[in-house]
Amino acid sequence: MISEPRVASWQDEAACRGHDPALVFPANTDALGPARAICATCPVFDPCWQTGLHEQHGIWAGTSERERKQIRKTLGIHLTHEPEPQETAS
């Protein structure tokens, strides 16, 4: 059987490629230092940022899940798998 050649993506050039997945999907999201240090040197920061805005889990372009959630809220981006923000009574 002949398979189609794999198309290279920006992720092939990511600085985190080959590192332990726990680095970018940490159990403790307060321990972001090592991931952020790698992200700071990454040649594909911009496409990672664009992708990360639409990802709920993991560290993307040096941003935590909580940080991206706030950024999405500010930009008016809603993920289909995130609960709708609740209006608060004034």
N, C-alpha and C. Protein backbone atom coordinates (compact mmCIF):
# COMPACT_ATOMS: atom_id res chain seq x y z
N MET A 1 0.83 -1.17 0.00
CA MET A 1 0.00 0.00 0.00
C MET A 1 0.88 1.25 0.00
N ILE A 2 0.56 2.19 -0.85
CA ILE A 2 1.31 3.43 -0.93
C ILE A 2 0.57 4.49 -0.13
N SER A 3 1.30 5.14 0.76
CA SER A 3 0.67 6.18 1.58
C SER A 3 1.03 7.55 1.02
N GLU A 4 0.16 8.48 1.30
CA GLU A 4 0.39 9.87 0.88
C GLU A 4 1.55 10.43 1.69
N PRO A 5 2.38 11.28 1.07
CA PRO A 5 3.45 11.91 1.85
C PRO A 5 2.85 12.84 2.89
N ARG A 6 3.50 12.89 4.03
CA ARG A 6 3.05 13.75 5.12
C ARG A 6 3.38 15.19 4.78
N VAL A 7 2.41 16.06 4.99
CA VAL A 7 2.60 17.48 4.75
C VAL A 7 3.18 18.11 6.02
N ALA A 8 4.27 18.82 5.86
CA ALA A 8 4.89 19.48 7.01
C ALA A 8 3.99 20.60 7.51
N SER A 9 4.01 20.81 8.80
CA SER A 9 3.24 21.90 9.39
C SER A 9 4.16 22.74 10.26
N TRP A 10 3.62 23.86 10.72
CA TRP A 10 4.41 24.73 11.58
C TRP A 10 4.83 23.99 12.84
N GLN A 11 4.04 23.00 13.27
CA GLN A 11 4.35 22.27 14.49
C GLN A 11 5.65 21.46 14.37
N ASP A 12 6.02 21.13 13.13
CA ASP A 12 7.29 20.42 12.93
C ASP A 12 8.48 21.27 13.32
N GLU A 13 8.31 22.59 13.30
CA GLU A 13 9.40 23.52 13.63
C GLU A 13 9.32 24.05 15.06
N ALA A 14 8.32 23.63 15.81
CA ALA A 14 8.12 24.15 17.17
C ALA A 14 9.28 23.79 18.09
N ALA A 15 9.67 24.74 18.91
CA ALA A 15 10.77 24.53 19.86
C ALA A 15 10.43 23.45 20.88
N CYS A 16 9.15 23.25 21.16
CA CYS A 16 8.75 22.25 22.16
C CYS A 16 8.68 20.84 21.57
N ARG A 17 8.77 20.72 20.25
CA ARG A 17 8.69 19.41 19.62
C ARG A 17 9.80 18.50 20.15
N GLY A 18 9.44 17.32 20.57
CA GLY A 18 10.42 16.38 21.08
C GLY A 18 10.58 16.44 22.60
N HIS A 19 10.06 17.48 23.21
CA HIS A 19 10.10 17.56 24.67
C HIS A 19 8.98 16.71 25.26
N ASP A 20 9.10 16.42 26.53
CA ASP A 20 8.07 15.68 27.25
C ASP A 20 6.74 16.42 27.13
N PRO A 21 5.67 15.76 26.69
CA PRO A 21 4.37 16.43 26.58
C PRO A 21 3.89 17.08 27.88
N ALA A 22 4.35 16.56 29.02
CA ALA A 22 3.96 17.16 30.30
C ALA A 22 4.46 18.60 30.43
N LEU A 23 5.45 18.96 29.64
CA LEU A 23 5.96 20.33 29.65
C LEU A 23 4.88 21.31 29.18
N VAL A 24 4.16 20.96 28.12
CA VAL A 24 3.15 21.87 27.58
C VAL A 24 1.72 21.49 27.98
N PHE A 25 1.58 20.38 28.64
CA PHE A 25 0.30 19.97 29.23
C PHE A 25 0.55 19.63 30.69
N PRO A 26 0.99 20.63 31.48
CA PRO A 26 1.37 20.37 32.87
C PRO A 26 0.16 20.09 33.76
N ALA A 27 0.35 19.24 34.75
CA ALA A 27 -0.70 18.98 35.73
C ALA A 27 -0.90 20.21 36.61
N ASN A 28 0.18 20.92 36.89
CA ASN A 28 0.12 22.13 37.71
C ASN A 28 0.34 23.33 36.79
N THR A 29 -0.73 24.03 36.48
CA THR A 29 -0.62 25.15 35.55
C THR A 29 0.07 26.37 36.15
N ASP A 30 0.45 26.29 37.42
CA ASP A 30 1.22 27.37 38.03
C ASP A 30 2.71 27.23 37.71
N ALA A 31 3.12 26.06 37.20
CA ALA A 31 4.53 25.80 36.88
C ALA A 31 4.77 25.99 35.38
N LEU A 32 4.64 27.24 34.93
CA LEU A 32 4.74 27.53 33.50
C LEU A 32 6.14 27.96 33.05
N GLY A 33 7.02 28.22 33.99
CA GLY A 33 8.34 28.75 33.67
C GLY A 33 9.10 27.98 32.60
N PRO A 34 9.25 26.66 32.74
CA PRO A 34 9.99 25.91 31.73
C PRO A 34 9.36 25.99 30.33
N ALA A 35 8.05 25.89 30.26
CA ALA A 35 7.38 25.98 28.95
C ALA A 35 7.56 27.37 28.36
N ARG A 36 7.40 28.39 29.18
CA ARG A 36 7.55 29.76 28.68
C ARG A 36 8.97 30.04 28.19
N ALA A 37 9.96 29.44 28.85
CA ALA A 37 11.34 29.62 28.41
C ALA A 37 11.54 29.03 27.01
N ILE A 38 10.95 27.88 26.76
CA ILE A 38 11.05 27.27 25.44
C ILE A 38 10.26 28.09 24.41
N CYS A 39 9.06 28.52 24.78
CA CYS A 39 8.24 29.32 23.87
C CYS A 39 8.95 30.61 23.46
N ALA A 40 9.71 31.18 24.36
CA ALA A 40 10.41 32.44 24.08
C ALA A 40 11.43 32.30 22.96
N THR A 41 11.89 31.08 22.72
CA THR A 41 12.89 30.85 21.67
C THR A 41 12.28 30.24 20.41
N CYS A 42 10.97 30.08 20.38
CA CYS A 42 10.33 29.32 19.32
C CYS A 42 10.22 30.10 18.01
N PRO A 43 10.61 29.48 16.90
CA PRO A 43 10.53 30.15 15.60
C PRO A 43 9.11 30.20 15.03
N VAL A 44 8.17 29.48 15.64
CA VAL A 44 6.80 29.45 15.12
C VAL A 44 5.81 29.97 16.18
N PHE A 45 6.23 30.99 16.91
CA PHE A 45 5.40 31.55 17.97
C PHE A 45 4.05 32.03 17.44
N ASP A 46 4.04 32.76 16.33
CA ASP A 46 2.80 33.34 15.82
C ASP A 46 1.74 32.30 15.44
N PRO A 47 2.08 31.27 14.65
CA PRO A 47 1.03 30.28 14.36
C PRO A 47 0.61 29.50 15.61
N CYS A 48 1.51 29.33 16.55
CA CYS A 48 1.14 28.67 17.81
C CYS A 48 0.14 29.54 18.57
N TRP A 49 0.37 30.83 18.59
CA TRP A 49 -0.54 31.77 19.25
C TRP A 49 -1.92 31.70 18.61
N GLN A 50 -1.97 31.73 17.28
CA GLN A 50 -3.25 31.69 16.57
C GLN A 50 -3.99 30.38 16.86
N THR A 51 -3.28 29.29 16.87
CA THR A 51 -3.89 27.99 17.16
C THR A 51 -4.33 27.93 18.62
N GLY A 52 -3.47 28.40 19.50
CA GLY A 52 -3.74 28.35 20.94
C GLY A 52 -4.98 29.11 21.36
N LEU A 53 -5.32 30.15 20.65
CA LEU A 53 -6.52 30.90 21.00
C LEU A 53 -7.77 30.03 20.92
N HIS A 54 -7.69 28.98 20.14
CA HIS A 54 -8.84 28.10 19.94
C HIS A 54 -8.68 26.75 20.64
N GLU A 55 -7.69 26.66 21.52
CA GLU A 55 -7.43 25.45 22.29
C GLU A 55 -7.71 25.71 23.76
N GLN A 56 -8.40 24.79 24.38
CA GLN A 56 -8.74 24.97 25.79
C GLN A 56 -7.62 24.50 26.71
N HIS A 57 -6.90 23.46 26.34
CA HIS A 57 -5.93 22.84 27.23
C HIS A 57 -4.50 23.06 26.75
N GLY A 58 -3.58 23.04 27.70
CA GLY A 58 -2.16 23.10 27.39
C GLY A 58 -1.60 24.51 27.39
N ILE A 59 -0.29 24.58 27.15
CA ILE A 59 0.42 25.84 27.04
C ILE A 59 0.63 26.08 25.55
N TRP A 60 0.18 27.21 25.07
CA TRP A 60 0.32 27.57 23.66
C TRP A 60 0.93 28.97 23.60
N ALA A 61 2.04 29.09 22.90
CA ALA A 61 2.74 30.39 22.76
C ALA A 61 2.98 31.02 24.13
N GLY A 62 3.29 30.20 25.09
CA GLY A 62 3.63 30.69 26.42
C GLY A 62 2.45 31.14 27.27
N THR A 63 1.23 30.87 26.82
CA THR A 63 0.05 31.29 27.59
C THR A 63 -0.62 30.10 28.24
N SER A 64 -1.11 30.33 29.44
CA SER A 64 -1.80 29.27 30.18
C SER A 64 -3.26 29.18 29.73
N GLU A 65 -3.92 28.14 30.16
CA GLU A 65 -5.35 27.96 29.86
C GLU A 65 -6.13 29.16 30.39
N ARG A 66 -5.84 29.57 31.61
CA ARG A 66 -6.55 30.69 32.23
C ARG A 66 -6.30 32.00 31.47
N GLU A 67 -5.06 32.23 31.07
CA GLU A 67 -4.74 33.45 30.33
C GLU A 67 -5.46 33.49 28.98
N ARG A 68 -5.47 32.36 28.28
CA ARG A 68 -6.15 32.33 26.98
C ARG A 68 -7.65 32.50 27.13
N LYS A 69 -8.21 31.96 28.19
CA LYS A 69 -9.64 32.13 28.44
C LYS A 69 -9.97 33.62 28.60
N GLN A 70 -9.14 34.33 29.34
CA GLN A 70 -9.35 35.78 29.53
C GLN A 70 -9.17 36.52 28.20
N ILE A 71 -8.17 36.13 27.44
CA ILE A 71 -7.94 36.77 26.13
C ILE A 71 -9.13 36.54 25.21
N ARG A 72 -9.64 35.30 25.19
CA ARG A 72 -10.81 35.01 24.36
C ARG A 72 -12.00 35.85 24.79
N LYS A 73 -12.18 36.00 26.08
CA LYS A 73 -13.29 36.81 26.60
C LYS A 73 -13.15 38.25 26.11
N THR A 74 -11.94 38.79 26.22
CA THR A 74 -11.68 40.16 25.78
C THR A 74 -11.92 40.33 24.28
N LEU A 75 -11.51 39.32 23.49
CA LEU A 75 -11.65 39.39 22.04
C LEU A 75 -13.02 38.94 21.53
N GLY A 76 -13.85 38.42 22.44
CA GLY A 76 -15.17 37.95 22.03
C GLY A 76 -15.14 36.61 21.31
N ILE A 77 -14.11 35.81 21.58
CA ILE A 77 -14.00 34.47 20.99
C ILE A 77 -14.59 33.47 21.96
N HIS A 78 -15.47 32.62 21.47
CA HIS A 78 -16.08 31.60 22.31
C HIS A 78 -15.81 30.22 21.71
N LEU A 79 -15.27 29.33 22.52
CA LEU A 79 -15.06 27.95 22.07
C LEU A 79 -16.35 27.18 22.23
N THR A 80 -16.65 26.30 21.30
CA THR A 80 -17.90 25.55 21.37
C THR A 80 -17.92 24.61 22.57
N HIS A 81 -16.77 24.19 23.08
CA HIS A 81 -16.73 23.27 24.21
C HIS A 81 -16.51 23.98 25.54
N GLU A 82 -16.54 25.32 25.55
CA GLU A 82 -16.46 26.08 26.79
C GLU A 82 -17.87 26.50 27.19
N PRO A 83 -18.18 26.48 28.45
CA PRO A 83 -19.51 26.96 28.87
C PRO A 83 -19.67 28.44 28.54
N GLU A 84 -20.87 28.83 28.19
CA GLU A 84 -21.18 30.24 27.92
C GLU A 84 -20.94 31.05 29.20
N PRO A 85 -20.37 32.24 29.06
CA PRO A 85 -20.20 33.08 30.26
C PRO A 85 -21.58 33.46 30.81
N GLN A 86 -21.69 33.45 32.13
CA GLN A 86 -22.93 33.80 32.78
C GLN A 86 -22.99 35.29 33.05
N GLU A 87 -24.12 35.89 32.76
CA GLU A 87 -24.33 37.31 33.08
C GLU A 87 -24.50 37.44 34.58
N THR A 88 -23.91 38.46 35.15
CA THR A 88 -24.07 38.69 36.59
C THR A 88 -25.05 39.83 36.79
N ALA A 89 -25.87 39.70 37.82
CA ALA A 89 -26.85 40.74 38.13
C ALA A 89 -26.15 41.93 38.74
N SER A 90 -26.57 43.11 38.35
CA SER A 90 -25.93 44.34 38.90
C SER A 90 -26.72 44.87 40.06
